[in-house]
Amino acid sequence: METSHKTSFQFISEPSDINFGGKVHGGVVMKWIDQAAYTCARTWSESYCVTVYVGGIRFYKPINIGEVIKVDCTVIYTGSSSIHIMVEVYSRDFSHKEFEKKTHCIIIFVSVDENGSPQKVKPWIPQTDQEKKLEEYATKLKALRENIHNEMKPFFNE
């Protein structure tokens, strides 16, 4: 059986998801992202995973209560123990057929053993041109994160 590198959740936003402005709270959207991406990472790694990074989160438009939500997750890169996942959040009113993109981000998980130590994951190998471009995007983001981390080191108490 081949392990899938994609996961998609669909559900309806609820009244308890509301913020002071009457829209879905950004923190709720972030929870959805973490839950769906965890499922994608765990499916890929076939082991317990922990979130180690969420970046580039971009909220394009607000989500209304009662809309159909779709959270699409795709593995775009794997390191020795890490799984890099692109997440896109869409929504639509029931009166519309098409989903509209509302949020995008990259989230990284690390596969860990029963002691919490990182463990190897099988490599993800892109097949299509689009998958190859996404892997290239992930490696560029990785280099940017490393540069920022190195520039900020003097300000950390690690």
C-alpha atoms as a PDB file:
ATOM      1  CA  MET A   1       0.000   0.000   0.000  1.00  0.00           C
ATOM      2  CA  GLU A   2       1.384   3.395  -0.998  1.00  0.00           C
ATOM      3  CA  THR A   3       1.204   6.103   1.652  1.00  0.00           C
ATOM      4  CA  SER A   4      -0.583   9.234   0.512  1.00  0.00           C
ATOM      5  CA  HIS A   5       1.216  12.576   0.563  1.00  0.00           C
ATOM      6  CA  LYS A   6      -2.085  14.504   0.545  1.00  0.00           C
ATOM      7  CA  THR A   7      -4.856  14.994   3.075  1.00  0.00           C
ATOM      8  CA  SER A   8      -8.059  16.977   2.749  1.00  0.00           C
ATOM      9  CA  PHE A   9     -10.596  17.843   5.465  1.00  0.00           C
ATOM     10  CA  GLN A  10     -14.053  19.286   4.854  1.00  0.00           C
ATOM     11  CA  PHE A  11     -16.490  20.506   7.501  1.00  0.00           C
ATOM     12  CA  ILE A  12     -18.741  23.452   8.387  1.00  0.00           C
ATOM     13  CA  SER A  13     -17.559  26.449  10.411  1.00  0.00           C
ATOM     14  CA  GLU A  14     -19.519  26.742  13.658  1.00  0.00           C
ATOM     15  CA  PRO A  15     -20.880  29.607  15.763  1.00  0.00           C
ATOM     16  CA  SER A  16     -18.285  28.830  18.463  1.00  0.00           C
ATOM     17  CA  ASP A  17     -15.538  29.720  15.911  1.00  0.00           C
ATOM     18  CA  ILE A  18     -16.555  33.409  15.857  1.00  0.00           C
ATOM     19  CA  ASN A  19     -14.333  36.386  16.736  1.00  0.00           C
ATOM     20  CA  PHE A  20     -15.336  39.893  17.866  1.00  0.00           C
ATOM     21  CA  GLY A  21     -15.736  40.953  14.238  1.00  0.00           C
ATOM     22  CA  GLY A  22     -18.303  38.238  13.513  1.00  0.00           C
ATOM     23  CA  LYS A  23     -15.975  36.123  11.363  1.00  0.00           C
ATOM     24  CA  VAL A  24     -14.048  32.907  12.063  1.00  0.00           C
ATOM     25  CA  HIS A  25     -11.224  33.610  14.525  1.00  0.00           C
ATOM     26  CA  GLY A  26      -7.697  33.326  13.055  1.00  0.00           C
ATOM     27  CA  GLY A  27      -6.670  31.084  15.945  1.00  0.00           C
ATOM     28  CA  VAL A  28      -9.432  28.653  15.018  1.00  0.00           C
ATOM     29  CA  VAL A  29      -8.134  28.558  11.432  1.00  0.00           C
ATOM     30  CA  MET A  30      -4.649  27.853  12.808  1.00  0.00           C
ATOM     31  CA  LYS A  31      -6.054  24.958  14.855  1.00  0.00           C
ATOM     32  CA  TRP A  32      -7.664  23.512  11.717  1.00  0.00           C
ATOM     33  CA  ILE A  33      -4.327  23.838   9.913  1.00  0.00           C
ATOM     34  CA  ASP A  34      -2.484  22.014  12.696  1.00  0.00           C
ATOM     35  CA  GLN A  35      -5.045  19.198  12.877  1.00  0.00           C
ATOM     36  CA  ALA A  36      -5.201  18.566   9.137  1.00  0.00           C
ATOM     37  CA  ALA A  37      -1.433  18.883   8.652  1.00  0.00           C
ATOM     38  CA  TYR A  38      -0.795  16.538  11.603  1.00  0.00           C
ATOM     39  CA  THR A  39      -3.001  13.953   9.918  1.00  0.00           C
ATOM     40  CA  CYS A  40      -1.026  14.383   6.686  1.00  0.00           C
ATOM     41  CA  ALA A  41       2.341  14.124   8.499  1.00  0.00           C
ATOM     42  CA  ARG A  42       1.272  11.123  10.564  1.00  0.00           C
ATOM     43  CA  THR A  43      -0.106   9.362   7.484  1.00  0.00           C
ATOM     44  CA  TRP A  44       3.151   9.960   5.626  1.00  0.00           C
ATOM     45  CA  SER A  45       5.477   9.022   8.492  1.00  0.00           C
ATOM     46  CA  GLU A  46       3.291   6.276   9.959  1.00  0.00           C
ATOM     47  CA  SER A  47       4.457   7.492  13.383  1.00  0.00           C
ATOM     48  CA  TYR A  48       3.781  10.150  15.994  1.00  0.00           C
ATOM     49  CA  CYS A  49       4.842  13.648  14.905  1.00  0.00           C
ATOM     50  CA  VAL A  50       5.285  17.007  16.593  1.00  0.00           C
ATOM     51  CA  THR A  51       4.840  20.471  15.098  1.00  0.00           C
ATOM     52  CA  VAL A  52       8.164  22.318  14.951  1.00  0.00           C
ATOM     53  CA  TYR A  53       7.403  25.235  12.647  1.00  0.00           C
ATOM     54  CA  VAL A  54       4.511  27.142  11.131  1.00  0.00           C
ATOM     55  CA  GLY A  55       5.457  29.922   8.780  1.00  0.00           C
ATOM     56  CA  GLY A  56       4.322  32.215   6.071  1.00  0.00           C
ATOM     57  CA  ILE A  57       0.744  32.079   7.261  1.00  0.00           C
ATOM     58  CA  ARG A  58      -1.274  34.382   5.091  1.00  0.00           C
ATOM     59  CA  PHE A  59      -4.921  35.202   5.701  1.00  0.00           C
ATOM     60  CA  TYR A  60      -6.351  36.365   2.377  1.00  0.00           C
ATOM     61  CA  LYS A  61     -10.012  36.854   3.281  1.00  0.00           C
ATOM     62  CA  PRO A  62     -12.210  36.252   6.320  1.00  0.00           C
ATOM     63  CA  ILE A  63     -14.297  33.094   6.692  1.00  0.00           C
ATOM     64  CA  ASN A  64     -17.954  33.347   7.636  1.00  0.00           C
ATOM     65  CA  ILE A  65     -19.782  31.169  10.120  1.00  0.00           C
ATOM     66  CA  GLY A  66     -21.753  28.401   8.416  1.00  0.00           C
ATOM     67  CA  GLU A  67     -19.503  28.118   5.368  1.00  0.00           C
ATOM     68  CA  VAL A  68     -18.100  24.840   4.074  1.00  0.00           C
ATOM     69  CA  ILE A  69     -14.399  24.706   4.931  1.00  0.00           C
ATOM     70  CA  LYS A  70     -11.802  22.704   3.008  1.00  0.00           C
ATOM     71  CA  VAL A  71      -8.265  22.283   4.329  1.00  0.00           C
ATOM     72  CA  ASP A  72      -5.867  20.751   1.777  1.00  0.00           C
ATOM     73  CA  CYS A  73      -2.461  19.504   2.935  1.00  0.00           C
ATOM     74  CA  THR A  74       0.359  18.277   0.711  1.00  0.00           C
ATOM     75  CA  VAL A  75       3.813  16.946   1.591  1.00  0.00           C
ATOM     76  CA  ILE A  76       6.252  19.079  -0.403  1.00  0.00           C
ATOM     77  CA  TYR A  77       9.600  18.080   1.136  1.00  0.00           C
ATOM     78  CA  THR A  78      11.089  15.621   3.600  1.00  0.00           C
ATOM     79  CA  GLY A  79      14.319  15.876   5.534  1.00  0.00           C
ATOM     80  CA  SER A  80      15.810  13.035   7.530  1.00  0.00           C
ATOM     81  CA  SER A  81      13.099  13.300  10.208  1.00  0.00           C
ATOM     82  CA  SER A  82      11.016  16.265   9.032  1.00  0.00           C
ATOM     83  CA  ILE A  83       7.929  16.488   6.875  1.00  0.00           C
ATOM     84  CA  HIS A  84       7.235  19.880   5.240  1.00  0.00           C
ATOM     85  CA  ILE A  85       3.577  20.395   4.394  1.00  0.00           C
ATOM     86  CA  MET A  86       1.870  23.068   2.332  1.00  0.00           C
ATOM     87  CA  VAL A  87      -1.574  23.914   3.700  1.00  0.00           C
ATOM     88  CA  GLU A  88      -4.307  25.779   1.883  1.00  0.00           C
ATOM     89  CA  VAL A  89      -7.620  26.686   3.505  1.00  0.00           C
ATOM     90  CA  TYR A  90     -10.669  27.352   1.357  1.00  0.00           C
ATOM     91  CA  SER A  91     -14.295  28.141   2.093  1.00  0.00           C
ATOM     92  CA  ARG A  92     -17.563  28.517   0.252  1.00  0.00           C
ATOM     93  CA  ASP A  93     -21.118  29.418   1.033  1.00  0.00           C
ATOM     94  CA  PHE A  94     -23.594  26.605   0.434  1.00  0.00           C
ATOM     95  CA  SER A  95     -25.115  28.644  -2.396  1.00  0.00           C
ATOM     96  CA  HIS A  96     -21.803  28.529  -4.320  1.00  0.00           C
ATOM     97  CA  LYS A  97     -20.131  25.521  -5.939  1.00  0.00           C
ATOM     98  CA  GLU A  98     -16.590  26.916  -6.035  1.00  0.00           C
ATOM     99  CA  PHE A  99     -14.279  27.221  -3.050  1.00  0.00           C
ATOM    100  CA  GLU A 100     -12.316  30.436  -2.506  1.00  0.00           C
ATOM    101  CA  LYS A 101      -8.792  30.353  -1.059  1.00  0.00           C
ATOM    102  CA  LYS A 102      -8.706  32.022   2.371  1.00  0.00           C
ATOM    103  CA  THR A 103      -5.400  31.040   4.009  1.00  0.00           C
ATOM    104  CA  HIS A 104      -2.017  29.544   3.076  1.00  0.00           C
ATOM    105  CA  CYS A 105       1.004  28.420   5.092  1.00  0.00           C
ATOM    106  CA  ILE A 106       3.827  25.940   5.452  1.00  0.00           C
ATOM    107  CA  ILE A 107       3.950  23.714   8.524  1.00  0.00           C
ATOM    108  CA  ILE A 108       6.763  21.363   9.471  1.00  0.00           C
ATOM    109  CA  PHE A 109       6.510  18.267  11.638  1.00  0.00           C
ATOM    110  CA  VAL A 110       9.213  15.984  12.969  1.00  0.00           C
ATOM    111  CA  SER A 111       8.602  12.279  13.378  1.00  0.00           C
ATOM    112  CA  VAL A 112       9.547  11.168  16.890  1.00  0.00           C
ATOM    113  CA  ASP A 113       9.935   7.833  18.658  1.00  0.00           C
ATOM    114  CA  GLU A 114       8.406   6.844  22.007  1.00  0.00           C
ATOM    115  CA  ASN A 115      11.145   8.807  23.824  1.00  0.00           C
ATOM    116  CA  GLY A 116      10.490  11.982  21.829  1.00  0.00           C
ATOM    117  CA  SER A 117      13.694  11.684  19.812  1.00  0.00           C
ATOM    118  CA  PRO A 118      13.606  12.452  16.086  1.00  0.00           C
ATOM    119  CA  GLN A 119      13.451   9.407  13.866  1.00  0.00           C
ATOM    120  CA  LYS A 120      13.931   8.891  10.155  1.00  0.00           C
ATOM    121  CA  VAL A 121      11.059   9.274   7.722  1.00  0.00           C
ATOM    122  CA  LYS A 122      10.878   7.817   4.250  1.00  0.00           C
ATOM    123  CA  PRO A 123      11.820  10.357   1.607  1.00  0.00           C
ATOM    124  CA  TRP A 124       9.169  12.065  -0.461  1.00  0.00           C
ATOM    125  CA  ILE A 125      10.191  12.087  -4.113  1.00  0.00           C
ATOM    126  CA  PRO A 126       8.356  14.567  -6.338  1.00  0.00           C
ATOM    127  CA  GLN A 127       6.982  13.083  -9.545  1.00  0.00           C
ATOM    128  CA  THR A 128       5.341  15.926 -11.460  1.00  0.00           C
ATOM    129  CA  ASP A 129       6.762  19.289 -12.527  1.00  0.00           C
ATOM    130  CA  GLN A 130       4.448  20.996 -10.011  1.00  0.00           C
ATOM    131  CA  GLU A 131       5.700  18.741  -7.183  1.00  0.00           C
ATOM    132  CA  LYS A 132       9.303  19.490  -8.178  1.00  0.00           C
ATOM    133  CA  LYS A 133       8.565  23.237  -8.034  1.00  0.00           C
ATOM    134  CA  LEU A 134       6.966  22.846  -4.602  1.00  0.00           C
ATOM    135  CA  GLU A 135      10.003  20.930  -3.333  1.00  0.00           C
ATOM    136  CA  GLU A 136      12.250  23.710  -4.660  1.00  0.00           C
ATOM    137  CA  TYR A 137      10.017  26.252  -2.874  1.00  0.00           C
ATOM    138  CA  ALA A 138      10.365  24.278   0.382  1.00  0.00           C
ATOM    139  CA  THR A 139      14.161  24.144   0.117  1.00  0.00           C
ATOM    140  CA  LYS A 140      14.319  27.908  -0.534  1.00  0.00           C
ATOM    141  CA  LEU A 141      12.162  28.535   2.533  1.00  0.00           C
ATOM    142  CA  LYS A 142      14.417  26.244   4.572  1.00  0.00           C
ATOM    143  CA  ALA A 143      17.496  28.264   3.561  1.00  0.00           C
ATOM    144  CA  LEU A 144      15.723  31.542   4.388  1.00  0.00           C
ATOM    145  CA  ARG A 145      14.737  30.233   7.846  1.00  0.00           C
ATOM    146  CA  GLU A 146      18.329  29.184   8.519  1.00  0.00           C
ATOM    147  CA  ASN A 147      19.623  32.631   7.497  1.00  0.00           C
ATOM    148  CA  ILE A 148      17.101  34.399   9.727  1.00  0.00           C
ATOM    149  CA  HIS A 149      17.925  32.066  12.625  1.00  0.00           C
ATOM    150  CA  ASN A 150      21.647  32.782  12.258  1.00  0.00           C
ATOM    151  CA  GLU A 151      21.053  36.555  12.089  1.00  0.00           C
ATOM    152  CA  MET A 152      18.889  36.427  15.234  1.00  0.00           C
ATOM    153  CA  LYS A 153      21.249  34.223  17.291  1.00  0.00           C
ATOM    154  CA  PRO A 154      22.794  37.186  19.145  1.00  0.00           C
ATOM    155  CA  PHE A 155      19.313  38.004  20.486  1.00  0.00           C
ATOM    156  CA  PHE A 156      18.398  34.461  21.634  1.00  0.00           C
ATOM    157  CA  ASN A 157      19.027  32.868  24.976  1.00  0.00           C
ATOM    158  CA  GLU A 158      19.285  29.313  23.711  1.00  0.00           C
END
